[in-house]
Amino acid sequence: MRVEADRERCMGTGACAFAAPDVFDVDATGRVVVLGPFEPGDERVHDAVAECPVGALRLVEGDA
């Protein structure tokens, strides 16, 4: 499982980076960056995806 980020949709609240700083960051433009893989059972990541205020994050099956 992996996270996809729609950087065009992101409004840069940073909530995802606060929830799971080892998986998400915000770059100089203020938009989300996915830093790397995570454990599928990591509730912080699932919560960050579910709570993104603009739906810029989604969980996708597979690694590609």
Protein backbone atom coordinates (compact mmCIF):
# COMPACT_ATOMS: atom_id res chain seq x y z
CA MET A 1 0.00 0.00 0.00
CA ARG A 2 1.19 3.51 -0.75
CA VAL A 3 -0.02 7.10 -0.52
CA GLU A 4 -0.63 9.28 -3.56
CA ALA A 5 -0.70 13.05 -3.16
CA ASP A 6 -2.46 15.46 -5.49
CA ARG A 7 -0.15 18.44 -5.09
CA GLU A 8 -2.39 20.66 -7.22
CA ARG A 9 -5.27 20.06 -4.83
CA CYS A 10 -3.17 20.45 -1.66
CA MET A 11 -3.73 23.71 0.20
CA GLY A 12 -0.77 23.28 2.54
CA THR A 13 -2.38 22.97 5.96
CA GLY A 14 0.43 20.64 7.05
CA ALA A 15 -1.95 18.44 9.02
CA CYS A 16 -0.55 15.32 7.35
CA ALA A 17 3.04 16.28 8.19
CA PHE A 18 2.03 16.93 11.78
CA ALA A 19 0.22 13.57 12.03
CA ALA A 20 2.98 11.46 10.44
CA PRO A 21 6.19 13.49 10.02
CA ASP A 22 8.20 10.46 8.91
CA VAL A 23 5.83 9.92 5.95
CA PHE A 24 4.71 13.45 4.97
CA ASP A 25 6.37 16.84 4.71
CA VAL A 26 5.50 20.23 3.23
CA ASP A 27 7.93 21.73 0.71
CA ALA A 28 8.91 25.34 0.06
CA THR A 29 5.76 25.87 -2.03
CA GLY A 30 3.64 24.80 0.94
CA ARG A 31 2.43 21.58 -0.66
CA VAL A 32 2.58 18.01 0.57
CA VAL A 33 5.50 15.72 -0.20
CA VAL A 34 5.29 11.99 0.49
CA LEU A 35 8.65 11.06 2.00
CA GLY A 36 8.47 7.33 1.71
CA PRO A 37 6.78 4.06 2.48
CA PHE A 38 4.91 3.25 5.66
CA GLU A 39 3.64 0.22 7.47
CA PRO A 40 0.13 -0.68 6.19
CA GLY A 41 -1.26 -0.73 9.74
CA ASP A 42 0.07 2.75 10.59
CA GLU A 43 -3.08 4.47 11.83
CA ARG A 44 -1.40 7.89 11.73
CA VAL A 45 -1.16 7.63 7.93
CA HIS A 46 -4.70 6.34 7.54
CA ASP A 47 -5.96 9.18 9.77
CA ALA A 48 -3.97 11.81 7.83
CA VAL A 49 -5.46 10.60 4.55
CA ALA A 50 -8.98 10.51 5.96
CA GLU A 51 -8.68 13.94 7.56
CA CYS A 52 -7.10 15.86 4.67
CA PRO A 53 -9.46 18.84 4.36
CA VAL A 54 -9.29 18.92 0.56
CA GLY A 55 -8.93 15.21 -0.19
CA ALA A 56 -5.44 15.60 -1.64
CA LEU A 57 -4.26 12.25 -0.25
CA ARG A 58 -5.37 8.74 -1.06
CA LEU A 59 -4.29 5.22 -0.23
CA VAL A 60 -3.54 2.94 -3.19
CA GLU A 61 -2.98 -0.81 -3.21
CA GLY A 62 0.44 -1.91 -4.49
CA ASP A 63 3.85 -0.29 -4.60
CA ALA A 64 4.00 1.07 -8.16
